Protein backbone atom coordinates (compact mmCIF):
# COMPACT_ATOMS: atom_id res chain seq x y z
CA MET A 1 0.68 12.26 12.60
CA ALA A 2 0.38 9.35 10.17
CA LYS A 3 3.74 7.00 10.06
CA LYS A 4 4.91 7.15 6.49
CA LYS A 5 5.74 4.26 4.69
CA SER A 6 9.27 3.03 3.89
CA PRO A 7 9.87 2.87 0.35
CA GLU A 8 10.19 -0.52 -0.98
CA PRO A 9 13.65 -1.84 -1.84
CA VAL A 10 14.69 -1.61 -5.46
CA VAL A 11 16.63 -4.00 -6.94
CA GLU A 12 19.62 -2.74 -9.16
CA GLY A 13 18.93 -3.48 -13.05
CA LEU A 14 15.28 -4.02 -12.58
CA PRO A 15 13.00 -1.19 -13.58
CA GLU A 16 11.07 0.31 -10.89
CA ARG A 17 7.45 -0.78 -10.97
CA PRO A 18 4.19 1.24 -10.10
CA ARG A 19 2.21 -0.19 -6.87
CA LEU A 20 -1.24 -1.98 -8.01
CA THR A 21 -4.70 -0.19 -6.61
CA ASN A 22 -6.59 -2.85 -4.46
CA LYS A 23 -9.17 -2.78 -7.41
CA VAL A 24 -6.67 -3.48 -10.42
CA TYR A 25 -5.20 -6.42 -7.80
CA LEU A 26 -8.25 -8.21 -6.99
CA ALA A 27 -9.28 -8.17 -10.59
CA GLU A 28 -6.08 -9.59 -11.33
CA LEU A 29 -6.25 -12.13 -8.88
CA ASP A 30 -9.29 -13.42 -10.06
CA ARG A 31 -8.37 -13.51 -13.43
CA LEU A 32 -5.46 -15.70 -12.40
CA GLN A 33 -7.83 -17.86 -10.46
CA VAL A 34 -9.96 -18.72 -13.48
CA GLU A 35 -6.91 -19.56 -15.21
CA LEU A 36 -5.82 -21.90 -12.29
CA VAL A 37 -8.85 -23.71 -12.42
CA LYS A 38 -8.67 -24.14 -15.86
CA LEU A 39 -5.31 -25.48 -15.41
CA GLN A 40 -6.31 -27.96 -13.09
CA GLU A 41 -9.32 -29.00 -14.84
CA TRP A 42 -6.81 -29.88 -17.81
CA ILE A 43 -4.25 -31.66 -15.81
CA ARG A 44 -7.14 -33.67 -14.18
CA HIS A 45 -8.47 -34.30 -17.69
CA ILE A 46 -5.19 -35.68 -19.11
CA GLY A 47 -4.34 -37.57 -15.72
CA LEU A 48 -1.20 -35.80 -14.93
CA ARG A 49 0.20 -35.17 -10.98
CA VAL A 50 1.86 -32.00 -10.30
CA VAL A 51 3.59 -30.94 -7.23
CA VAL A 52 4.18 -27.37 -6.15
CA VAL A 53 7.08 -26.89 -3.27
CA PHE A 54 6.84 -23.43 -1.73
CA GLU A 55 10.26 -23.00 -0.10
CA GLY A 56 11.63 -19.99 1.88
CA ARG A 57 11.83 -19.05 5.97
CA ASP A 58 8.91 -18.42 8.27
CA ALA A 59 7.19 -15.88 8.01
CA ALA A 60 7.95 -15.12 4.41
CA GLY A 61 4.52 -14.71 3.30
CA LYS A 62 4.15 -18.38 2.04
CA GLY A 63 0.98 -19.57 4.32
CA GLY A 64 -0.43 -16.38 2.71
CA VAL A 65 0.35 -17.07 -0.65
CA ILE A 66 -0.72 -20.90 -0.43
CA LYS A 67 -4.14 -19.64 0.75
CA THR A 68 -4.65 -17.29 -1.96
CA ILE A 69 -3.82 -19.93 -4.49
CA THR A 70 -6.26 -22.62 -3.29
CA ARG A 71 -8.64 -20.77 -2.17
CA GLY A 72 -10.25 -20.88 -5.97
CA ILE A 73 -9.48 -24.57 -6.79
CA SER A 74 -11.27 -27.91 -5.88
CA SER A 75 -10.22 -29.47 -2.85
CA ALA A 76 -11.55 -33.02 -4.19
CA THR A 77 -8.87 -32.85 -6.66
CA SER A 78 -6.00 -31.04 -4.67
CA ARG A 79 -4.29 -31.43 -1.41
CA THR A 80 -2.17 -29.46 0.49
CA CYS A 81 0.25 -30.30 3.06
CA ARG A 82 3.08 -29.15 5.09
CA LEU A 83 6.75 -30.44 4.89
CA PRO A 84 9.07 -31.15 7.84
CA ALA A 85 11.51 -28.38 8.10
CA ARG A 86 15.33 -29.14 6.37
CA TRP A 87 17.92 -28.89 9.28
CA SER A 88 21.80 -29.16 8.20
CA SER A 89 24.24 -29.99 10.53
CA SER A 90 27.90 -30.66 9.68
CA THR A 91 27.29 -34.46 9.41
CA GLY A 92 23.53 -34.34 7.91
CA ALA A 93 23.19 -31.37 5.84
CA GLY A 94 20.09 -31.19 3.56
CA THR A 95 18.97 -34.28 5.66
CA THR A 96 15.09 -34.04 7.37
CA GLY A 97 14.80 -33.30 10.74
CA PRO A 98 16.96 -32.58 13.42
CA ALA A 99 20.45 -33.89 13.29
CA SER A 100 20.84 -36.72 16.08
CA SER A 101 23.20 -35.71 19.26
CA ALA A 102 25.17 -39.08 19.39
């Protein structure tokens, strides 16, 4: 017997959206990748710098999103790095790295 998928949570006040088929999803992903490359070229041409920060809990899907976005852009003009986790304690809320125990 196949497992039934649990229904996606409904956010109150937002209309329910139908699920995309894989074909539609991949077509839209390709279209957005082209737009991202155009944006990257425009940013390079103008001489701007852009920083994008993905913040969230571990296993929230950030890694997959970052890989999907960066697969189509030039690695010669972009860089991906991982920042250290933010730790909060009673003495160092918002500081980077674990709080020292003095």
